[in-house]
Amino acid sequence: MSVRYLERDLVIPDGSDTSASDKISSSLVVGIRVPTGFLGTSLTPEFSSDDVTWDPVYDDDGNAVAVVVAAAPSFIYLLPQNYAGFDFIRWVSDAAETGGPLTLKMILRAE
């Protein structure tokens, strides 16, 4: 059986810090591509079971989960087990993204 990888576009509208959401319940998040022009230095995931009500994600020590963005453009490898069990996910930048909509590319391993 071969492994399938999917690429999903998550747009952050101009002037916003929050991406569109994606249903990932049957996939594992393995990475995210950050485009040229991204202004933030971190991305924070938010979880939802209904794509309406959103919660920040914390680790088992009570620390907010954040992904460091060292450069843009870049590819950031993510540990799939950190996102297993999510129904919907979206990403929040620590900066308002300006200069037009930006598209994050989330890479999923299909199950």
N, C-alpha and C. Protein backbone atom coordinates (compact mmCIF):
# COMPACT_ATOMS: atom_id res chain seq x y z
N MET A 1 0.84 -1.18 0.00
CA MET A 1 0.00 0.00 0.00
C MET A 1 0.89 1.24 0.00
N SER A 2 0.61 2.15 -0.91
CA SER A 2 1.40 3.37 -1.00
C SER A 2 0.81 4.46 -0.11
N VAL A 3 1.68 5.33 0.32
CA VAL A 3 1.28 6.47 1.15
C VAL A 3 0.90 7.62 0.22
N ARG A 4 -0.23 8.25 0.51
CA ARG A 4 -0.66 9.42 -0.26
C ARG A 4 -0.47 10.68 0.56
N TYR A 5 0.08 11.69 -0.07
CA TYR A 5 0.21 12.99 0.56
C TYR A 5 -0.67 13.98 -0.17
N LEU A 6 -1.33 14.83 0.60
CA LEU A 6 -2.22 15.84 0.05
C LEU A 6 -1.70 17.22 0.43
N GLU A 7 -1.93 18.19 -0.43
CA GLU A 7 -1.56 19.57 -0.13
C GLU A 7 -2.84 20.39 -0.10
N ARG A 8 -3.06 21.08 1.00
CA ARG A 8 -4.27 21.89 1.16
C ARG A 8 -3.89 23.36 1.27
N ASP A 9 -4.60 24.21 0.54
CA ASP A 9 -4.39 25.65 0.60
C ASP A 9 -5.22 26.25 1.73
N LEU A 10 -4.57 26.99 2.62
CA LEU A 10 -5.25 27.69 3.69
C LEU A 10 -4.91 29.17 3.56
N VAL A 11 -5.86 29.95 3.11
CA VAL A 11 -5.63 31.36 2.81
C VAL A 11 -5.80 32.21 4.06
N ILE A 12 -4.83 33.11 4.27
CA ILE A 12 -4.96 34.15 5.29
C ILE A 12 -5.33 35.43 4.54
N PRO A 13 -6.54 35.97 4.77
CA PRO A 13 -6.95 37.19 4.05
C PRO A 13 -6.05 38.38 4.39
N ASP A 14 -5.96 39.31 3.47
CA ASP A 14 -5.17 40.52 3.67
C ASP A 14 -5.62 41.23 4.95
N GLY A 15 -4.67 41.56 5.82
CA GLY A 15 -4.96 42.27 7.05
C GLY A 15 -5.37 41.38 8.21
N SER A 16 -5.48 40.09 7.99
CA SER A 16 -5.89 39.16 9.03
C SER A 16 -4.69 38.40 9.57
N ASP A 17 -4.90 37.69 10.67
CA ASP A 17 -3.86 36.82 11.21
C ASP A 17 -4.28 35.35 11.20
N THR A 18 -5.51 35.06 10.74
CA THR A 18 -6.07 33.72 10.86
C THR A 18 -6.38 33.13 9.49
N SER A 19 -5.93 31.89 9.30
CA SER A 19 -6.15 31.21 8.02
C SER A 19 -7.56 30.63 7.93
N ALA A 20 -7.92 30.24 6.72
CA ALA A 20 -9.11 29.43 6.53
C ALA A 20 -8.90 28.10 7.26
N SER A 21 -9.98 27.38 7.47
CA SER A 21 -9.88 26.10 8.18
C SER A 21 -9.90 24.94 7.20
N ASP A 22 -9.56 23.75 7.72
CA ASP A 22 -9.60 22.55 6.91
C ASP A 22 -10.00 21.37 7.78
N LYS A 23 -10.80 20.47 7.22
CA LYS A 23 -11.18 19.24 7.91
C LYS A 23 -10.05 18.23 7.72
N ILE A 24 -9.48 17.77 8.82
CA ILE A 24 -8.33 16.86 8.73
C ILE A 24 -8.54 15.57 9.50
N SER A 25 -9.76 15.27 9.91
CA SER A 25 -10.02 14.15 10.81
C SER A 25 -9.55 12.80 10.29
N SER A 26 -9.43 12.61 8.99
CA SER A 26 -8.98 11.31 8.48
C SER A 26 -7.56 11.37 7.93
N SER A 27 -6.82 12.43 8.28
CA SER A 27 -5.45 12.61 7.78
C SER A 27 -4.54 13.02 8.92
N LEU A 28 -3.24 12.94 8.66
CA LEU A 28 -2.24 13.40 9.63
C LEU A 28 -1.52 14.61 9.05
N VAL A 29 -1.40 15.67 9.83
CA VAL A 29 -0.66 16.86 9.40
C VAL A 29 0.83 16.54 9.53
N VAL A 30 1.59 16.72 8.44
CA VAL A 30 3.03 16.43 8.48
C VAL A 30 3.90 17.64 8.20
N GLY A 31 3.30 18.73 7.68
CA GLY A 31 4.11 19.90 7.41
C GLY A 31 3.29 21.06 6.93
N ILE A 32 3.95 22.20 6.88
CA ILE A 32 3.28 23.41 6.39
C ILE A 32 4.32 24.24 5.64
N ARG A 33 3.91 24.71 4.46
CA ARG A 33 4.75 25.60 3.67
C ARG A 33 4.30 27.03 3.93
N VAL A 34 5.26 27.86 4.29
CA VAL A 34 5.01 29.28 4.56
C VAL A 34 5.49 30.08 3.34
N PRO A 35 4.62 30.93 2.78
CA PRO A 35 4.98 31.62 1.54
C PRO A 35 5.86 32.84 1.74
N THR A 36 6.45 33.27 0.65
CA THR A 36 7.15 34.55 0.61
C THR A 36 6.18 35.65 1.02
N GLY A 37 6.65 36.60 1.80
CA GLY A 37 5.80 37.71 2.22
C GLY A 37 5.15 37.49 3.57
N PHE A 38 5.29 36.30 4.15
CA PHE A 38 4.72 36.03 5.48
C PHE A 38 5.46 36.89 6.49
N LEU A 39 4.73 37.64 7.32
CA LEU A 39 5.34 38.59 8.25
C LEU A 39 5.55 38.04 9.65
N GLY A 40 4.79 37.05 10.04
CA GLY A 40 4.87 36.53 11.41
C GLY A 40 6.13 35.74 11.69
N THR A 41 6.35 35.50 12.98
CA THR A 41 7.48 34.66 13.40
C THR A 41 7.01 33.35 14.02
N SER A 42 5.68 33.18 14.14
CA SER A 42 5.14 31.91 14.63
C SER A 42 3.72 31.70 14.12
N LEU A 43 3.33 30.44 14.11
CA LEU A 43 1.97 30.02 13.78
C LEU A 43 1.45 29.18 14.93
N THR A 44 0.24 29.45 15.36
CA THR A 44 -0.40 28.72 16.44
C THR A 44 -1.62 27.98 15.89
N PRO A 45 -1.72 26.66 16.12
CA PRO A 45 -2.89 25.95 15.64
C PRO A 45 -4.09 26.17 16.55
N GLU A 46 -5.27 26.16 15.94
CA GLU A 46 -6.52 26.15 16.69
C GLU A 46 -7.34 24.95 16.24
N PHE A 47 -8.07 24.36 17.18
CA PHE A 47 -8.85 23.14 16.96
C PHE A 47 -10.34 23.45 17.03
N SER A 48 -11.11 22.72 16.22
CA SER A 48 -12.57 22.81 16.29
C SER A 48 -13.16 21.44 15.96
N SER A 49 -14.26 21.13 16.62
CA SER A 49 -14.98 19.90 16.28
C SER A 49 -16.14 20.18 15.33
N ASP A 50 -16.48 21.48 15.15
CA ASP A 50 -17.64 21.82 14.33
C ASP A 50 -17.36 22.91 13.28
N ASP A 51 -16.13 23.39 13.18
CA ASP A 51 -15.73 24.44 12.24
C ASP A 51 -16.42 25.77 12.55
N VAL A 52 -16.89 25.93 13.80
CA VAL A 52 -17.53 27.17 14.23
C VAL A 52 -16.85 27.71 15.49
N THR A 53 -16.76 26.87 16.51
CA THR A 53 -16.15 27.25 17.79
C THR A 53 -14.70 26.77 17.79
N TRP A 54 -13.78 27.69 18.07
CA TRP A 54 -12.35 27.40 17.98
C TRP A 54 -11.66 27.50 19.33
N ASP A 55 -10.71 26.60 19.57
CA ASP A 55 -9.94 26.59 20.81
C ASP A 55 -8.46 26.57 20.50
N PRO A 56 -7.66 27.33 21.26
CA PRO A 56 -6.21 27.23 21.12
C PRO A 56 -5.76 25.85 21.59
N VAL A 57 -4.60 25.43 21.14
CA VAL A 57 -4.07 24.10 21.47
C VAL A 57 -2.95 24.26 22.50
N TYR A 58 -3.01 23.42 23.55
CA TYR A 58 -1.99 23.40 24.59
C TYR A 58 -1.39 22.01 24.68
N ASP A 59 -0.11 21.94 25.08
CA ASP A 59 0.50 20.63 25.28
C ASP A 59 0.14 20.11 26.68
N ASP A 60 0.63 18.93 27.02
CA ASP A 60 0.25 18.32 28.30
C ASP A 60 0.87 19.01 29.51
N ASP A 61 1.77 19.97 29.29
CA ASP A 61 2.32 20.78 30.38
C ASP A 61 1.60 22.11 30.52
N GLY A 62 0.57 22.35 29.69
CA GLY A 62 -0.18 23.59 29.76
C GLY A 62 0.40 24.73 28.96
N ASN A 63 1.37 24.43 28.10
CA ASN A 63 1.99 25.47 27.27
C ASN A 63 1.27 25.57 25.93
N ALA A 64 1.05 26.78 25.47
CA ALA A 64 0.44 26.98 24.16
C ALA A 64 1.36 26.40 23.09
N VAL A 65 0.78 25.66 22.16
CA VAL A 65 1.54 25.08 21.06
C VAL A 65 1.75 26.16 20.00
N ALA A 66 2.98 26.34 19.57
CA ALA A 66 3.30 27.31 18.52
C ALA A 66 4.42 26.73 17.66
N VAL A 67 4.38 27.05 16.39
CA VAL A 67 5.40 26.63 15.43
C VAL A 67 6.21 27.87 15.07
N VAL A 68 7.52 27.80 15.25
CA VAL A 68 8.39 28.92 14.92
C VAL A 68 8.57 29.01 13.41
N VAL A 69 8.40 30.21 12.87
CA VAL A 69 8.65 30.47 11.46
C VAL A 69 9.95 31.26 11.39
N ALA A 70 11.04 30.57 11.05
CA ALA A 70 12.36 31.21 11.04
C ALA A 70 12.60 32.02 9.78
N ALA A 71 11.94 31.66 8.70
CA ALA A 71 12.13 32.37 7.43
C ALA A 71 10.92 32.13 6.55
N ALA A 72 10.73 33.03 5.61
CA ALA A 72 9.67 32.84 4.61
C ALA A 72 10.27 33.17 3.25
N PRO A 73 10.17 32.29 2.29
CA PRO A 73 9.42 31.04 2.32
C PRO A 73 10.18 29.95 3.06
N SER A 74 9.43 28.97 3.57
CA SER A 74 10.05 27.82 4.23
C SER A 74 9.06 26.67 4.31
N PHE A 75 9.60 25.48 4.55
CA PHE A 75 8.79 24.30 4.84
C PHE A 75 9.08 23.90 6.27
N ILE A 76 8.03 23.72 7.05
CA ILE A 76 8.18 23.35 8.46
C ILE A 76 7.63 21.96 8.65
N TYR A 77 8.48 21.03 9.09
CA TYR A 77 8.04 19.67 9.39
C TYR A 77 7.30 19.69 10.72
N LEU A 78 6.16 19.03 10.76
CA LEU A 78 5.36 18.95 11.98
C LEU A 78 5.24 17.51 12.43
N LEU A 79 5.25 17.28 13.72
CA LEU A 79 5.07 15.93 14.25
C LEU A 79 3.60 15.56 14.17
N PRO A 80 3.26 14.56 13.36
CA PRO A 80 1.85 14.22 13.14
C PRO A 80 1.08 13.91 14.43
N GLN A 81 1.73 13.30 15.41
CA GLN A 81 1.02 12.92 16.63
C GLN A 81 0.53 14.14 17.41
N ASN A 82 1.12 15.31 17.16
CA ASN A 82 0.66 16.52 17.85
C ASN A 82 -0.69 17.02 17.34
N TYR A 83 -1.10 16.53 16.17
CA TYR A 83 -2.34 17.00 15.55
C TYR A 83 -3.34 15.87 15.30
N ALA A 84 -3.00 14.67 15.74
CA ALA A 84 -3.90 13.52 15.58
C ALA A 84 -5.16 13.74 16.41
N GLY A 85 -6.28 13.38 15.84
CA GLY A 85 -7.54 13.52 16.55
C GLY A 85 -8.25 14.84 16.33
N PHE A 86 -7.62 15.77 15.62
CA PHE A 86 -8.29 17.03 15.30
C PHE A 86 -9.36 16.77 14.25
N ASP A 87 -10.49 17.44 14.38
CA ASP A 87 -11.49 17.40 13.31
C ASP A 87 -11.18 18.50 12.29
N PHE A 88 -11.09 19.74 12.78
CA PHE A 88 -10.77 20.88 11.92
C PHE A 88 -9.57 21.62 12.52
N ILE A 89 -8.77 22.21 11.65
CA ILE A 89 -7.62 22.99 12.10
C ILE A 89 -7.56 24.29 11.31
N ARG A 90 -7.07 25.32 11.96
CA ARG A 90 -6.72 26.56 11.28
C ARG A 90 -5.47 27.08 11.99
N TRP A 91 -4.79 28.04 11.36
CA TRP A 91 -3.53 28.56 11.88
C TRP A 91 -3.65 30.06 12.12
N VAL A 92 -3.03 30.51 13.21
CA VAL A 92 -3.05 31.93 13.57
C VAL A 92 -1.61 32.44 13.62
N SER A 93 -1.35 33.48 12.83
CA SER A 93 -0.04 34.12 12.82
C SER A 93 0.06 35.07 14.02
N ASP A 94 1.28 35.34 14.46
CA ASP A 94 1.46 36.32 15.53
C ASP A 94 1.53 37.75 14.97
N ALA A 95 1.26 37.90 13.68
CA ALA A 95 1.23 39.23 13.05
C ALA A 95 0.08 39.29 12.06
N ALA A 96 -0.47 40.48 11.90
CA ALA A 96 -1.46 40.67 10.83
C ALA A 96 -0.72 40.58 9.50
N GLU A 97 -1.20 39.75 8.62
CA GLU A 97 -0.54 39.53 7.32
C GLU A 97 -1.11 40.52 6.31
N THR A 98 -0.24 41.35 5.76
CA THR A 98 -0.68 42.39 4.83
C THR A 98 -0.02 42.19 3.48
N GLY A 99 -0.45 42.96 2.50
CA GLY A 99 0.13 42.86 1.16
C GLY A 99 -0.61 41.88 0.26
N GLY A 100 -1.85 41.61 0.60
CA GLY A 100 -2.62 40.66 -0.20
C GLY A 100 -2.82 39.37 0.55
N PRO A 101 -3.75 38.55 0.12
CA PRO A 101 -3.93 37.27 0.81
C PRO A 101 -2.69 36.40 0.66
N LEU A 102 -2.38 35.65 1.71
CA LEU A 102 -1.26 34.71 1.70
C LEU A 102 -1.81 33.30 1.82
N THR A 103 -1.19 32.36 1.13
CA THR A 103 -1.66 30.98 1.15
C THR A 103 -0.65 30.08 1.82
N LEU A 104 -1.02 29.54 2.99
CA LEU A 104 -0.25 28.49 3.62
C LEU A 104 -0.57 27.18 2.91
N LYS A 105 0.41 26.33 2.73
CA LYS A 105 0.19 25.01 2.12
C LYS A 105 0.40 23.96 3.21
N MET A 106 -0.69 23.35 3.65
CA MET A 106 -0.60 22.33 4.69
C MET A 106 -0.46 20.96 4.01
N ILE A 107 0.51 20.18 4.44
CA ILE A 107 0.77 18.88 3.86
C ILE A 107 0.20 17.82 4.80
N LEU A 108 -0.63 16.95 4.23
CA LEU A 108 -1.30 15.90 5.01
C LEU A 108 -0.91 14.52 4.48
N ARG A 109 -0.80 13.59 5.37
CA ARG A 109 -0.66 12.18 4.99
C ARG A 109 -2.05 11.58 5.09
N ALA A 110 -2.55 11.09 3.97
CA ALA A 110 -3.90 10.52 3.95
C ALA A 110 -3.88 9.13 4.55
N GLU A 111 -4.87 8.83 5.37
CA GLU A 111 -4.98 7.50 5.98
C GLU A 111 -5.94 6.64 5.22
